[in-house]
Amino acid sequence: MPASDKLKVVMGVLSGQCTLAEAARRANVSEQSVGNWKRQFLEGGRTALEGGASRNAQRERELLAEISELKTALGEAYVQLRVRRKSGEYRSVPSQTSRRSEKTPGSTSRGSAAPWASRGALTRAGAPSTYTAPGANGRR
């Protein structure tokens, strides 16, 4: 139900033109709904009279200032990251699978044929192996 219709129902109840039950029947809603609208209307008016609108406006200004500061900090961090990436200071973290194959040469890590392939190990037929294990050349 639009706010303008709710306002008409609440104003009818507050002015005494109809009871809460009559207003609920006319609006085709529950009495509890009309009671909630009335309570919200009165609380909103009280807040406005106490200066709540100015407090909300002040809080909104504070939040906007904080957002501005955070955007500036994020922008500076992004620029620093780009500079580090271009200068080579930034190194991407290897994935779990590439870490396994980056062990010292000659180590026998499970599932990696890289140490043997890099030495030109012989195959069963006696020919040099041309197999390159996944991750041995930096690729998967």
C-alpha atoms as a PDB file:
ATOM      1  CA  MET A   1       0.000   0.000   0.000  1.00  0.00           C
ATOM      2  CA  PRO A   2       1.403   3.428  -0.922  1.00  0.00           C
ATOM      3  CA  ALA A   3       2.514   5.742   1.884  1.00  0.00           C
ATOM      4  CA  SER A   4      -0.074   8.365   0.874  1.00  0.00           C
ATOM      5  CA  ASP A   5      -2.904   5.867   1.454  1.00  0.00           C
ATOM      6  CA  LYS A   6      -1.437   4.830   4.797  1.00  0.00           C
ATOM      7  CA  LEU A   7      -1.270   8.495   5.797  1.00  0.00           C
ATOM      8  CA  LYS A   8      -4.976   8.989   4.981  1.00  0.00           C
ATOM      9  CA  VAL A   9      -5.915   5.948   7.086  1.00  0.00           C
ATOM     10  CA  VAL A  10      -3.793   7.101  10.053  1.00  0.00           C
ATOM     11  CA  MET A  11      -5.078  10.681   9.837  1.00  0.00           C
ATOM     12  CA  GLY A  12      -8.656   9.368   9.826  1.00  0.00           C
ATOM     13  CA  VAL A  13      -7.982   7.408  13.019  1.00  0.00           C
ATOM     14  CA  LEU A  14      -6.131  10.280  14.734  1.00  0.00           C
ATOM     15  CA  SER A  15      -8.793  12.858  13.839  1.00  0.00           C
ATOM     16  CA  GLY A  16     -11.529  10.625  15.220  1.00  0.00           C
ATOM     17  CA  GLN A  17     -13.405  10.236  11.922  1.00  0.00           C
ATOM     18  CA  CYS A  18     -13.285   6.453  12.351  1.00  0.00           C
ATOM     19  CA  THR A  19     -12.074   3.865  14.777  1.00  0.00           C
ATOM     20  CA  LEU A  20      -9.023   1.737  14.235  1.00  0.00           C
ATOM     21  CA  ALA A  21     -11.231  -1.276  13.359  1.00  0.00           C
ATOM     22  CA  GLU A  22     -13.294   0.736  10.854  1.00  0.00           C
ATOM     23  CA  ALA A  23     -10.170   2.130   9.195  1.00  0.00           C
ATOM     24  CA  ALA A  24      -8.708  -1.371   8.911  1.00  0.00           C
ATOM     25  CA  ARG A  25     -11.905  -2.706   7.267  1.00  0.00           C
ATOM     26  CA  ARG A  26     -12.028   0.185   4.776  1.00  0.00           C
ATOM     27  CA  ALA A  27      -8.360  -0.228   3.852  1.00  0.00           C
ATOM     28  CA  ASN A  28      -8.747  -4.021   3.689  1.00  0.00           C
ATOM     29  CA  VAL A  29      -5.851  -4.586   6.107  1.00  0.00           C
ATOM     30  CA  SER A  30      -5.550  -5.904   9.655  1.00  0.00           C
ATOM     31  CA  GLU A  31      -6.109  -3.762  12.733  1.00  0.00           C
ATOM     32  CA  GLN A  32      -2.534  -4.521  13.739  1.00  0.00           C
ATOM     33  CA  SER A  33      -1.263  -2.962  10.491  1.00  0.00           C
ATOM     34  CA  VAL A  34      -3.196   0.244  11.090  1.00  0.00           C
ATOM     35  CA  GLY A  35      -1.938   0.315  14.684  1.00  0.00           C
ATOM     36  CA  ASN A  36       1.657  -0.089  13.460  1.00  0.00           C
ATOM     37  CA  TRP A  37       1.235   2.725  10.929  1.00  0.00           C
ATOM     38  CA  LYS A  38      -0.161   4.979  13.631  1.00  0.00           C
ATOM     39  CA  ARG A  39       2.744   4.173  15.983  1.00  0.00           C
ATOM     40  CA  GLN A  40       5.318   4.792  13.223  1.00  0.00           C
ATOM     41  CA  PHE A  41       3.651   8.080  12.301  1.00  0.00           C
ATOM     42  CA  LEU A  42       3.710   9.321  15.880  1.00  0.00           C
ATOM     43  CA  GLU A  43       7.323   8.208  16.462  1.00  0.00           C
ATOM     44  CA  GLY A  44       8.411   9.946  13.259  1.00  0.00           C
ATOM     45  CA  GLY A  45       6.754  13.169  14.359  1.00  0.00           C
ATOM     46  CA  ARG A  46       8.400  12.952  17.779  1.00  0.00           C
ATOM     47  CA  THR A  47      11.811  12.393  16.201  1.00  0.00           C
ATOM     48  CA  ALA A  48      11.332  15.395  13.925  1.00  0.00           C
ATOM     49  CA  LEU A  49      10.336  17.605  16.859  1.00  0.00           C
ATOM     50  CA  GLU A  50      13.395  16.487  18.836  1.00  0.00           C
ATOM     51  CA  GLY A  51      15.703  17.501  16.005  1.00  0.00           C
ATOM     52  CA  GLY A  52      16.280  13.991  14.722  1.00  0.00           C
ATOM     53  CA  ALA A  53      16.361  15.199  11.157  1.00  0.00           C
ATOM     54  CA  SER A  54      19.353  17.402  11.853  1.00  0.00           C
ATOM     55  CA  ARG A  55      21.090  14.550  13.706  1.00  0.00           C
ATOM     56  CA  ASN A  56      20.497  12.268  10.738  1.00  0.00           C
ATOM     57  CA  ALA A  57      21.831  14.902   8.359  1.00  0.00           C
ATOM     58  CA  GLN A  58      24.963  15.291  10.503  1.00  0.00           C
ATOM     59  CA  ARG A  59      25.536  11.524  10.568  1.00  0.00           C
ATOM     60  CA  GLU A  60      25.049  11.394   6.810  1.00  0.00           C
ATOM     61  CA  ARG A  61      27.695  14.111   6.329  1.00  0.00           C
ATOM     62  CA  GLU A  62      30.102  12.164   8.570  1.00  0.00           C
ATOM     63  CA  LEU A  63      29.527   8.970   6.601  1.00  0.00           C
ATOM     64  CA  LEU A  64      30.048  10.753   3.283  1.00  0.00           C
ATOM     65  CA  ALA A  65      33.349  12.189   4.562  1.00  0.00           C
ATOM     66  CA  GLU A  66      34.451   8.719   5.673  1.00  0.00           C
ATOM     67  CA  ILE A  67      33.528   7.257   2.280  1.00  0.00           C
ATOM     68  CA  SER A  68      35.593   9.942   0.600  1.00  0.00           C
ATOM     69  CA  GLU A  69      38.621   9.151   2.795  1.00  0.00           C
ATOM     70  CA  LEU A  70      38.287   5.433   2.124  1.00  0.00           C
ATOM     71  CA  LYS A  71      38.060   5.976  -1.629  1.00  0.00           C
ATOM     72  CA  THR A  72      41.227   8.079  -1.501  1.00  0.00           C
ATOM     73  CA  ALA A  73      43.071   5.420   0.516  1.00  0.00           C
ATOM     74  CA  LEU A  74      41.919   2.689  -1.866  1.00  0.00           C
ATOM     75  CA  GLY A  75      43.087   4.717  -4.863  1.00  0.00           C
ATOM     76  CA  GLU A  76      46.514   5.277  -3.301  1.00  0.00           C
ATOM     77  CA  ALA A  77      46.873   1.573  -2.499  1.00  0.00           C
ATOM     78  CA  TYR A  78      45.930   0.680  -6.069  1.00  0.00           C
ATOM     79  CA  VAL A  79      48.544   3.055  -7.482  1.00  0.00           C
ATOM     80  CA  GLN A  80      51.224   1.619  -5.157  1.00  0.00           C
ATOM     81  CA  LEU A  81      50.314  -1.912  -6.218  1.00  0.00           C
ATOM     82  CA  ARG A  82      50.614  -1.010  -9.895  1.00  0.00           C
ATOM     83  CA  VAL A  83      54.000   0.609  -9.315  1.00  0.00           C
ATOM     84  CA  ARG A  84      55.255  -2.474  -7.451  1.00  0.00           C
ATOM     85  CA  ARG A  85      54.009  -4.801 -10.159  1.00  0.00           C
ATOM     86  CA  LYS A  86      55.775  -2.790 -12.855  1.00  0.00           C
ATOM     87  CA  SER A  87      59.016  -2.549 -10.877  1.00  0.00           C
ATOM     88  CA  GLY A  88      59.089  -6.285 -10.182  1.00  0.00           C
ATOM     89  CA  GLU A  89      58.726  -6.003  -6.411  1.00  0.00           C
ATOM     90  CA  TYR A  90      55.381  -7.728  -6.559  1.00  0.00           C
ATOM     91  CA  ARG A  91      55.530 -11.468  -7.095  1.00  0.00           C
ATOM     92  CA  SER A  92      52.398 -13.501  -7.493  1.00  0.00           C
ATOM     93  CA  VAL A  93      51.896 -16.335  -5.060  1.00  0.00           C
ATOM     94  CA  PRO A  94      52.310 -19.719  -6.754  1.00  0.00           C
ATOM     95  CA  SER A  95      49.433 -22.136  -6.687  1.00  0.00           C
ATOM     96  CA  GLN A  96      49.571 -25.380  -4.702  1.00  0.00           C
ATOM     97  CA  THR A  97      50.356 -27.453  -7.802  1.00  0.00           C
ATOM     98  CA  SER A  98      53.217 -25.223  -8.919  1.00  0.00           C
ATOM     99  CA  ARG A  99      54.711 -25.166  -5.413  1.00  0.00           C
ATOM    100  CA  ARG A 100      55.056 -28.925  -5.530  1.00  0.00           C
ATOM    101  CA  SER A 101      57.151 -28.806  -8.720  1.00  0.00           C
ATOM    102  CA  GLU A 102      59.313 -25.884  -7.534  1.00  0.00           C
ATOM    103  CA  LYS A 103      61.211 -28.033  -5.040  1.00  0.00           C
ATOM    104  CA  THR A 104      64.946 -28.349  -5.364  1.00  0.00           C
ATOM    105  CA  PRO A 105      66.166 -30.091  -8.512  1.00  0.00           C
ATOM    106  CA  GLY A 106      66.642 -33.770  -7.977  1.00  0.00           C
ATOM    107  CA  SER A 107      64.080 -34.012  -5.199  1.00  0.00           C
ATOM    108  CA  THR A 108      61.626 -36.820  -5.602  1.00  0.00           C
ATOM    109  CA  SER A 109      58.298 -35.176  -5.076  1.00  0.00           C
ATOM    110  CA  ARG A 110      55.287 -37.381  -5.582  1.00  0.00           C
ATOM    111  CA  GLY A 111      53.718 -37.068  -9.030  1.00  0.00           C
ATOM    112  CA  SER A 112      56.426 -34.947 -10.614  1.00  0.00           C
ATOM    113  CA  ALA A 113      58.659 -36.268 -13.385  1.00  0.00           C
ATOM    114  CA  ALA A 114      60.382 -32.906 -13.810  1.00  0.00           C
ATOM    115  CA  PRO A 115      63.739 -33.910 -12.237  1.00  0.00           C
ATOM    116  CA  TRP A 116      64.070 -36.939 -14.517  1.00  0.00           C
ATOM    117  CA  ALA A 117      62.794 -35.164 -17.632  1.00  0.00           C
ATOM    118  CA  SER A 118      65.246 -32.309 -17.164  1.00  0.00           C
ATOM    119  CA  ARG A 119      68.190 -34.755 -16.955  1.00  0.00           C
ATOM    120  CA  GLY A 120      67.297 -36.477 -20.201  1.00  0.00           C
ATOM    121  CA  ALA A 121      66.542 -39.772 -18.508  1.00  0.00           C
ATOM    122  CA  LEU A 122      66.284 -42.815 -20.668  1.00  0.00           C
ATOM    123  CA  THR A 123      62.942 -44.377 -21.407  1.00  0.00           C
ATOM    124  CA  ARG A 124      62.366 -48.145 -21.240  1.00  0.00           C
ATOM    125  CA  ALA A 125      63.286 -48.394 -24.914  1.00  0.00           C
ATOM    126  CA  GLY A 126      66.591 -46.692 -24.224  1.00  0.00           C
ATOM    127  CA  ALA A 127      65.792 -43.409 -26.022  1.00  0.00           C
ATOM    128  CA  PRO A 128      66.071 -40.041 -24.284  1.00  0.00           C
ATOM    129  CA  SER A 129      62.811 -38.866 -22.784  1.00  0.00           C
ATOM    130  CA  THR A 130      61.082 -35.807 -24.254  1.00  0.00           C
ATOM    131  CA  TYR A 131      58.341 -35.753 -21.639  1.00  0.00           C
ATOM    132  CA  THR A 132      57.973 -32.507 -19.720  1.00  0.00           C
ATOM    133  CA  ALA A 133      55.987 -32.756 -16.528  1.00  0.00           C
ATOM    134  CA  PRO A 134      53.157 -30.308 -15.895  1.00  0.00           C
ATOM    135  CA  GLY A 135      54.571 -27.363 -13.984  1.00  0.00           C
ATOM    136  CA  ALA A 136      58.182 -28.132 -14.959  1.00  0.00           C
ATOM    137  CA  ASN A 137      58.360 -25.215 -17.378  1.00  0.00           C
ATOM    138  CA  GLY A 138      56.113 -22.905 -15.359  1.00  0.00           C
ATOM    139  CA  ARG A 139      52.976 -23.962 -17.202  1.00  0.00           C
ATOM    140  CA  ARG A 140      50.329 -26.494 -16.341  1.00  0.00           C
END
